[in-house]
Amino acid sequence: MPTIIEVKPLENFILWVRYSDAVSGYINVKSFITGGISKALLDEQYFKQVHIDEFGGICWDNGFDFCPNVVRDLITK
């Protein structure tokens, strides 16, 4: 299974993600910010702190995350 090797935060809650097999694309995180721990992502500076976790997903330090399979589905559909 290809792994996420790069994630870049862009404006308007968009992330650009690239996989080890060269598949890349954009996901809009805005619709996933519904309250609870996701609410922290509304702070632009916090949103920009996205990184790849030890399981290959993308996450923020507060525990909000996306698994790599979900991310791949979002960018390839």
PDB file of N, CA and C in Angstrom:
ATOM      1  N   MET A   1       0.845  -1.190   0.000  1.00  0.00           N
ATOM      2  CA  MET A   1       0.000   0.000   0.000  1.00  0.00           C
ATOM      3  C   MET A   1       0.884   1.245   0.000  1.00  0.00           C
ATOM      4  N   PRO A   2       0.661   2.150  -0.933  1.00  0.00           N
ATOM      5  CA  PRO A   2       1.416   3.397  -0.958  1.00  0.00           C
ATOM      6  C   PRO A   2       1.187   4.199   0.331  1.00  0.00           C
ATOM      7  N   THR A   3       2.186   4.945   0.725  1.00  0.00           N
ATOM      8  CA  THR A   3       2.097   5.738   1.948  1.00  0.00           C
ATOM      9  C   THR A   3       2.123   7.229   1.636  1.00  0.00           C
ATOM     10  N   ILE A   4       1.563   8.010   2.529  1.00  0.00           N
ATOM     11  CA  ILE A   4       1.627   9.467   2.401  1.00  0.00           C
ATOM     12  C   ILE A   4       3.051   9.888   2.715  1.00  0.00           C
ATOM     13  N   ILE A   5       3.647  10.645   1.809  1.00  0.00           N
ATOM     14  CA  ILE A   5       5.019  11.093   2.033  1.00  0.00           C
ATOM     15  C   ILE A   5       5.130  12.613   2.169  1.00  0.00           C
ATOM     16  N   GLU A   6       4.035  13.319   1.854  1.00  0.00           N
ATOM     17  CA  GLU A   6       4.080  14.780   1.958  1.00  0.00           C
ATOM     18  C   GLU A   6       2.677  15.325   2.126  1.00  0.00           C
ATOM     19  N   VAL A   7       2.559  16.329   2.988  1.00  0.00           N
ATOM     20  CA  VAL A   7       1.293  17.038   3.161  1.00  0.00           C
ATOM     21  C   VAL A   7       1.616  18.520   3.322  1.00  0.00           C
ATOM     22  N   LYS A   8       0.876  19.351   2.596  1.00  0.00           N
ATOM     23  CA  LYS A   8       1.080  20.801   2.664  1.00  0.00           C
ATOM     24  C   LYS A   8      -0.258  21.483   2.904  1.00  0.00           C
ATOM     25  N   PRO A   9      -0.330  22.304   3.947  1.00  0.00           N
ATOM     26  CA  PRO A   9      -1.551  23.075   4.167  1.00  0.00           C
ATOM     27  C   PRO A   9      -1.590  24.281   3.224  1.00  0.00           C
ATOM     28  N   LEU A  10      -2.754  24.523   2.661  1.00  0.00           N
ATOM     29  CA  LEU A  10      -2.962  25.663   1.775  1.00  0.00           C
ATOM     30  C   LEU A  10      -4.048  26.550   2.388  1.00  0.00           C
ATOM     31  N   GLU A  11      -4.468  27.557   1.672  1.00  0.00           N
ATOM     32  CA  GLU A  11      -5.517  28.448   2.162  1.00  0.00           C
ATOM     33  C   GLU A  11      -6.880  27.772   2.121  1.00  0.00           C
ATOM     34  N   ASN A  12      -7.806  28.312   2.904  1.00  0.00           N
ATOM     35  CA  ASN A  12      -9.208  27.885   2.910  1.00  0.00           C
ATOM     36  C   ASN A  12      -9.403  26.413   3.278  1.00  0.00           C
ATOM     37  N   PHE A  13      -8.585  25.928   4.217  1.00  0.00           N
ATOM     38  CA  PHE A  13      -8.729  24.576   4.764  1.00  0.00           C
ATOM     39  C   PHE A  13      -8.448  23.469   3.748  1.00  0.00           C
ATOM     40  N   ILE A  14      -7.615  23.766   2.777  1.00  0.00           N
ATOM     41  CA  ILE A  14      -7.233  22.790   1.761  1.00  0.00           C
ATOM     42  C   ILE A  14      -5.875  22.190   2.125  1.00  0.00           C
ATOM     43  N   LEU A  15      -5.763  20.874   1.956  1.00  0.00           N
ATOM     44  CA  LEU A  15      -4.484  20.185   2.101  1.00  0.00           C
ATOM     45  C   LEU A  15      -4.110  19.563   0.764  1.00  0.00           C
ATOM     46  N   TRP A  16      -2.826  19.667   0.418  1.00  0.00           N
ATOM     47  CA  TRP A  16      -2.293  18.943  -0.722  1.00  0.00           C
ATOM     48  C   TRP A  16      -1.529  17.755  -0.163  1.00  0.00           C
ATOM     49  N   VAL A  17      -1.802  16.566  -0.701  1.00  0.00           N
ATOM     50  CA  VAL A  17      -1.211  15.334  -0.182  1.00  0.00           C
ATOM     51  C   VAL A  17      -0.572  14.569  -1.338  1.00  0.00           C
ATOM     52  N   ARG A  18       0.617  13.991  -1.073  1.00  0.00           N
ATOM     53  CA  ARG A  18       1.293  13.178  -2.077  1.00  0.00           C
ATOM     54  C   ARG A  18       1.647  11.820  -1.474  1.00  0.00           C
ATOM     55  N   TYR A  19       1.404  10.783  -2.255  1.00  0.00           N
ATOM     56  CA  TYR A  19       1.700   9.400  -1.861  1.00  0.00           C
ATOM     57  C   TYR A  19       3.004   8.914  -2.495  1.00  0.00           C
ATOM     58  N   SER A  20       3.524   7.832  -1.961  1.00  0.00           N
ATOM     59  CA  SER A  20       4.788   7.268  -2.443  1.00  0.00           C
ATOM     60  C   SER A  20       4.703   6.753  -3.882  1.00  0.00           C
ATOM     61  N   ASP A  21       3.510   6.521  -4.387  1.00  0.00           N
ATOM     62  CA  ASP A  21       3.353   6.068  -5.774  1.00  0.00           C
ATOM     63  C   ASP A  21       3.044   7.222  -6.730  1.00  0.00           C
ATOM     64  N   ALA A  22       3.299   8.446  -6.279  1.00  0.00           N
ATOM     65  CA  ALA A  22       3.130   9.682  -7.059  1.00  0.00           C
ATOM     66  C   ALA A  22       1.690  10.155  -7.193  1.00  0.00           C
ATOM     67  N   VAL A  23       0.723   9.441  -6.642  1.00  0.00           N
ATOM     68  CA  VAL A  23      -0.656   9.946  -6.612  1.00  0.00           C
ATOM     69  C   VAL A  23      -0.666  11.151  -5.675  1.00  0.00           C
ATOM     70  N   SER A  24      -1.289  12.222  -6.112  1.00  0.00           N
ATOM     71  CA  SER A  24      -1.401  13.413  -5.265  1.00  0.00           C
ATOM     72  C   SER A  24      -2.733  14.089  -5.541  1.00  0.00           C
ATOM     73  N   GLY A  25      -3.127  14.933  -4.621  1.00  0.00           N
ATOM     74  CA  GLY A  25      -4.373  15.648  -4.799  1.00  0.00           C
ATOM     75  C   GLY A  25      -4.690  16.520  -3.613  1.00  0.00           C
ATOM     76  N   TYR A  26      -5.848  17.129  -3.679  1.00  0.00           N
ATOM     77  CA  TYR A  26      -6.280  18.102  -2.690  1.00  0.00           C
ATOM     78  C   TYR A  26      -7.492  17.579  -1.936  1.00  0.00           C
ATOM     79  N   ILE A  27      -7.548  17.902  -0.643  1.00  0.00           N
ATOM     80  CA  ILE A  27      -8.761  17.648   0.129  1.00  0.00           C
ATOM     81  C   ILE A  27      -9.141  18.922   0.863  1.00  0.00           C
ATOM     82  N   ASN A  28     -10.428  19.158   0.920  1.00  0.00           N
ATOM     83  CA  ASN A  28     -10.966  20.298   1.658  1.00  0.00           C
ATOM     84  C   ASN A  28     -11.403  19.789   3.024  1.00  0.00           C
ATOM     85  N   VAL A  29     -10.727  20.242   4.050  1.00  0.00           N
ATOM     86  CA  VAL A  29     -10.973  19.774   5.407  1.00  0.00           C
ATOM     87  C   VAL A  29     -12.159  20.499   6.046  1.00  0.00           C
ATOM     88  N   LYS A  30     -12.578  21.607   5.498  1.00  0.00           N
ATOM     89  CA  LYS A  30     -13.620  22.453   6.092  1.00  0.00           C
ATOM     90  C   LYS A  30     -14.871  21.662   6.484  1.00  0.00           C
ATOM     91  N   SER A  31     -15.327  20.782   5.628  1.00  0.00           N
ATOM     92  CA  SER A  31     -16.565  20.054   5.921  1.00  0.00           C
ATOM     93  C   SER A  31     -16.404  19.063   7.072  1.00  0.00           C
ATOM     94  N   PHE A  32     -15.173  18.764   7.459  1.00  0.00           N
ATOM     95  CA  PHE A  32     -14.919  17.849   8.565  1.00  0.00           C
ATOM     96  C   PHE A  32     -14.759  18.573   9.901  1.00  0.00           C
ATOM     97  N   ILE A  33     -14.752  19.898   9.873  1.00  0.00           N
ATOM     98  CA  ILE A  33     -14.633  20.692  11.099  1.00  0.00           C
ATOM     99  C   ILE A  33     -16.036  20.933  11.634  1.00  0.00           C
ATOM    100  N   THR A  34     -16.431  20.093  12.577  1.00  0.00           N
ATOM    101  CA  THR A  34     -17.818  20.111  13.051  1.00  0.00           C
ATOM    102  C   THR A  34     -17.941  20.372  14.551  1.00  0.00           C
ATOM    103  N   GLY A  35     -16.867  20.636  15.227  1.00  0.00           N
ATOM    104  CA  GLY A  35     -16.899  20.851  16.670  1.00  0.00           C
ATOM    105  C   GLY A  35     -15.923  19.917  17.358  1.00  0.00           C
ATOM    106  N   GLY A  36     -15.960  19.889  18.666  1.00  0.00           N
ATOM    107  CA  GLY A  36     -15.033  19.046  19.409  1.00  0.00           C
ATOM    108  C   GLY A  36     -13.593  19.408  19.097  1.00  0.00           C
ATOM    109  N   ILE A  37     -12.743  18.388  18.968  1.00  0.00           N
ATOM    110  CA  ILE A  37     -11.330  18.673  18.723  1.00  0.00           C
ATOM    111  C   ILE A  37     -11.081  19.240  17.331  1.00  0.00           C
ATOM    112  N   SER A  38     -11.983  19.004  16.394  1.00  0.00           N
ATOM    113  CA  SER A  38     -11.782  19.548  15.049  1.00  0.00           C
ATOM    114  C   SER A  38     -11.882  21.066  15.022  1.00  0.00           C
ATOM    115  N   LYS A  39     -12.568  21.650  15.990  1.00  0.00           N
ATOM    116  CA  LYS A  39     -12.765  23.106  16.033  1.00  0.00           C
ATOM    117  C   LYS A  39     -11.437  23.868  16.072  1.00  0.00           C
ATOM    118  N   ALA A  40     -10.404  23.253  16.644  1.00  0.00           N
ATOM    119  CA  ALA A  40      -9.086  23.904  16.722  1.00  0.00           C
ATOM    120  C   ALA A  40      -8.529  24.215  15.336  1.00  0.00           C
ATOM    121  N   LEU A  41      -8.947  23.454  14.337  1.00  0.00           N
ATOM    122  CA  LEU A  41      -8.438  23.657  12.986  1.00  0.00           C
ATOM    123  C   LEU A  41      -8.930  24.958  12.353  1.00  0.00           C
ATOM    124  N   LEU A  42      -9.924  25.577  12.947  1.00  0.00           N
ATOM    125  CA  LEU A  42     -10.400  26.868  12.450  1.00  0.00           C
ATOM    126  C   LEU A  42      -9.355  27.960  12.627  1.00  0.00           C
ATOM    127  N   ASP A  43      -8.423  27.744  13.556  1.00  0.00           N
ATOM    128  CA  ASP A  43      -7.302  28.669  13.736  1.00  0.00           C
ATOM    129  C   ASP A  43      -6.289  28.366  12.628  1.00  0.00           C
ATOM    130  N   GLU A  44      -6.072  29.326  11.746  1.00  0.00           N
ATOM    131  CA  GLU A  44      -5.220  29.116  10.581  1.00  0.00           C
ATOM    132  C   GLU A  44      -3.813  28.652  10.960  1.00  0.00           C
ATOM    133  N   GLN A  45      -3.255  29.238  12.006  1.00  0.00           N
ATOM    134  CA  GLN A  45      -1.908  28.843  12.422  1.00  0.00           C
ATOM    135  C   GLN A  45      -1.881  27.395  12.911  1.00  0.00           C
ATOM    136  N   TYR A  46      -2.927  26.989  13.609  1.00  0.00           N
ATOM    137  CA  TYR A  46      -2.999  25.602  14.062  1.00  0.00           C
ATOM    138  C   TYR A  46      -3.205  24.654  12.880  1.00  0.00           C
ATOM    139  N   PHE A  47      -4.067  25.027  11.951  1.00  0.00           N
ATOM    140  CA  PHE A  47      -4.311  24.218  10.753  1.00  0.00           C
ATOM    141  C   PHE A  47      -3.004  23.916  10.024  1.00  0.00           C
ATOM    142  N   LYS A  48      -2.118  24.896   9.969  1.00  0.00           N
ATOM    143  CA  LYS A  48      -0.850  24.752   9.263  1.00  0.00           C
ATOM    144  C   LYS A  48       0.112  23.783   9.948  1.00  0.00           C
ATOM    145  N   GLN A  49      -0.210  23.338  11.152  1.00  0.00           N
ATOM    146  CA  GLN A  49       0.666  22.426  11.890  1.00  0.00           C
ATOM    147  C   GLN A  49       0.403  20.957  11.551  1.00  0.00           C
ATOM    148  N   VAL A  50      -0.316  20.691  10.484  1.00  0.00           N
ATOM    149  CA  VAL A  50      -0.604  19.324  10.046  1.00  0.00           C
ATOM    150  C   VAL A  50       0.701  18.586   9.770  1.00  0.00           C
ATOM    151  N   HIS A  51       0.711  17.295  10.059  1.00  0.00           N
ATOM    152  CA  HIS A  51       1.882  16.470   9.780  1.00  0.00           C
ATOM    153  C   HIS A  51       1.459  15.013   9.566  1.00  0.00           C
ATOM    154  N   ILE A  52       2.403  14.205   9.172  1.00  0.00           N
ATOM    155  CA  ILE A  52       2.161  12.779   8.947  1.00  0.00           C
ATOM    156  C   ILE A  52       2.462  12.050  10.244  1.00  0.00           C
ATOM    157  N   ASP A  53       1.518  11.213  10.689  1.00  0.00           N
ATOM    158  CA  ASP A  53       1.732  10.500  11.952  1.00  0.00           C
ATOM    159  C   ASP A  53       2.459   9.170  11.727  1.00  0.00           C
ATOM    160  N   GLU A  54       2.739   8.477  12.818  1.00  0.00           N
ATOM    161  CA  GLU A  54       3.500   7.224  12.748  1.00  0.00           C
ATOM    162  C   GLU A  54       2.752   6.097  12.038  1.00  0.00           C
ATOM    163  N   PHE A  55       1.443   6.265  11.819  1.00  0.00           N
ATOM    164  CA  PHE A  55       0.641   5.263  11.122  1.00  0.00           C
ATOM    165  C   PHE A  55       0.437   5.607   9.652  1.00  0.00           C
ATOM    166  N   GLY A  56       1.022   6.713   9.203  1.00  0.00           N
ATOM    167  CA  GLY A  56       0.917   7.105   7.805  1.00  0.00           C
ATOM    168  C   GLY A  56      -0.268   7.978   7.471  1.00  0.00           C
ATOM    169  N   GLY A  57      -1.011   8.377   8.484  1.00  0.00           N
ATOM    170  CA  GLY A  57      -2.130   9.284   8.273  1.00  0.00           C
ATOM    171  C   GLY A  57      -1.682  10.721   8.443  1.00  0.00           C
ATOM    172  N   ILE A  58      -2.602  11.646   8.263  1.00  0.00           N
ATOM    173  CA  ILE A  58      -2.289  13.050   8.522  1.00  0.00           C
ATOM    174  C   ILE A  58      -3.009  13.455   9.789  1.00  0.00           C
ATOM    175  N   CYS A  59      -2.343  14.286  10.588  1.00  0.00           N
ATOM    176  CA  CYS A  59      -2.896  14.602  11.900  1.00  0.00           C
ATOM    177  C   CYS A  59      -2.417  15.959  12.409  1.00  0.00           C
ATOM    178  N   TRP A  60      -3.025  16.339  13.508  1.00  0.00           N
ATOM    179  CA  TRP A  60      -2.634  17.512  14.276  1.00  0.00           C
ATOM    180  C   TRP A  60      -2.366  17.037  15.697  1.00  0.00           C
ATOM    181  N   ASP A  61      -1.650  17.834  16.463  1.00  0.00           N
ATOM    182  CA  ASP A  61      -1.229  17.426  17.808  1.00  0.00           C
ATOM    183  C   ASP A  61      -2.372  17.177  18.785  1.00  0.00           C
ATOM    184  N   ASN A  62      -3.559  17.702  18.507  1.00  0.00           N
ATOM    185  CA  ASN A  62      -4.679  17.487  19.431  1.00  0.00           C
ATOM    186  C   ASN A  62      -5.361  16.134  19.217  1.00  0.00           C
ATOM    187  N   GLY A  63      -4.900  15.351  18.249  1.00  0.00           N
ATOM    188  CA  GLY A  63      -5.465  14.034  18.003  1.00  0.00           C
ATOM    189  C   GLY A  63      -6.402  13.951  16.814  1.00  0.00           C
ATOM    190  N   PHE A  64      -6.761  15.072  16.223  1.00  0.00           N
ATOM    191  CA  PHE A  64      -7.619  15.032  15.034  1.00  0.00           C
ATOM    192  C   PHE A  64      -6.795  14.475  13.879  1.00  0.00           C
ATOM    193  N   ASP A  65      -7.358  13.498  13.171  1.00  0.00           N
ATOM    194  CA  ASP A  65      -6.583  12.864  12.113  1.00  0.00           C
ATOM    195  C   ASP A  65      -7.455  12.295  11.004  1.00  0.00           C
ATOM    196  N   PHE A  66      -6.786  11.935   9.922  1.00  0.00           N
ATOM    197  CA  PHE A  66      -7.385  11.230   8.797  1.00  0.00           C
ATOM    198  C   PHE A  66      -6.499  10.034   8.493  1.00  0.00           C
ATOM    199  N   CYS A  67      -7.091   8.855   8.345  1.00  0.00           N
ATOM    200  CA  CYS A  67      -6.283   7.681   8.003  1.00  0.00           C
ATOM    201  C   CYS A  67      -5.893   7.772   6.523  1.00  0.00           C
ATOM    202  N   PRO A  68      -4.783   7.145   6.141  1.00  0.00           N
ATOM    203  CA  PRO A  68      -4.312   7.264   4.760  1.00  0.00           C
ATOM    204  C   PRO A  68      -5.283   6.721   3.726  1.00  0.00           C
ATOM    205  N   ASN A  69      -6.067   5.711   4.078  1.00  0.00           N
ATOM    206  CA  ASN A  69      -7.028   5.165   3.119  1.00  0.00           C
ATOM    207  C   ASN A  69      -8.153   6.153   2.824  1.00  0.00           C
ATOM    208  N   VAL A  70      -8.621   6.831   3.862  1.00  0.00           N
ATOM    209  CA  VAL A  70      -9.678   7.836   3.678  1.00  0.00           C
ATOM    210  C   VAL A  70      -9.139   8.995   2.838  1.00  0.00           C
ATOM    211  N   VAL A  71      -7.934   9.444   3.138  1.00  0.00           N
ATOM    212  CA  VAL A  71      -7.345  10.539   2.377  1.00  0.00           C
ATOM    213  C   VAL A  71      -7.239  10.155   0.901  1.00  0.00           C
ATOM    214  N   ARG A  72      -6.775   8.953   0.640  1.00  0.00           N
ATOM    215  CA  ARG A  72      -6.633   8.507  -0.756  1.00  0.00           C
ATOM    216  C   ARG A  72      -7.994   8.480  -1.465  1.00  0.00           C
ATOM    217  N   ASP A  73      -9.012   7.985  -0.767  1.00  0.00           N
ATOM    218  CA  ASP A  73     -10.355   7.995  -1.350  1.00  0.00           C
ATOM    219  C   ASP A  73     -10.810   9.409  -1.666  1.00  0.00           C
ATOM    220  N   LEU A  74     -10.531  10.339  -0.773  1.00  0.00           N
ATOM    221  CA  LEU A  74     -10.960  11.725  -0.979  1.00  0.00           C
ATOM    222  C   LEU A  74     -10.254  12.382  -2.161  1.00  0.00           C
ATOM    223  N   ILE A  75      -8.989  12.064  -2.372  1.00  0.00           N
ATOM    224  CA  ILE A  75      -8.270  12.744  -3.464  1.00  0.00           C
ATOM    225  C   ILE A  75      -8.410  12.035  -4.796  1.00  0.00           C
ATOM    226  N   THR A  76      -8.896  10.798  -4.814  1.00  0.00           N
ATOM    227  CA  THR A  76      -9.010  10.100  -6.095  1.00  0.00           C
ATOM    228  C   THR A  76     -10.438  10.016  -6.608  1.00  0.00           C
ATOM    229  N   LYS A  77     -11.398  10.522  -5.874  1.00  0.00           N
ATOM    230  CA  LYS A  77     -12.789  10.482  -6.333  1.00  0.00           C
ATOM    231  C   LYS A  77     -13.210  11.782  -6.944  1.00  0.00           C
TER     232      LYS A  77
END
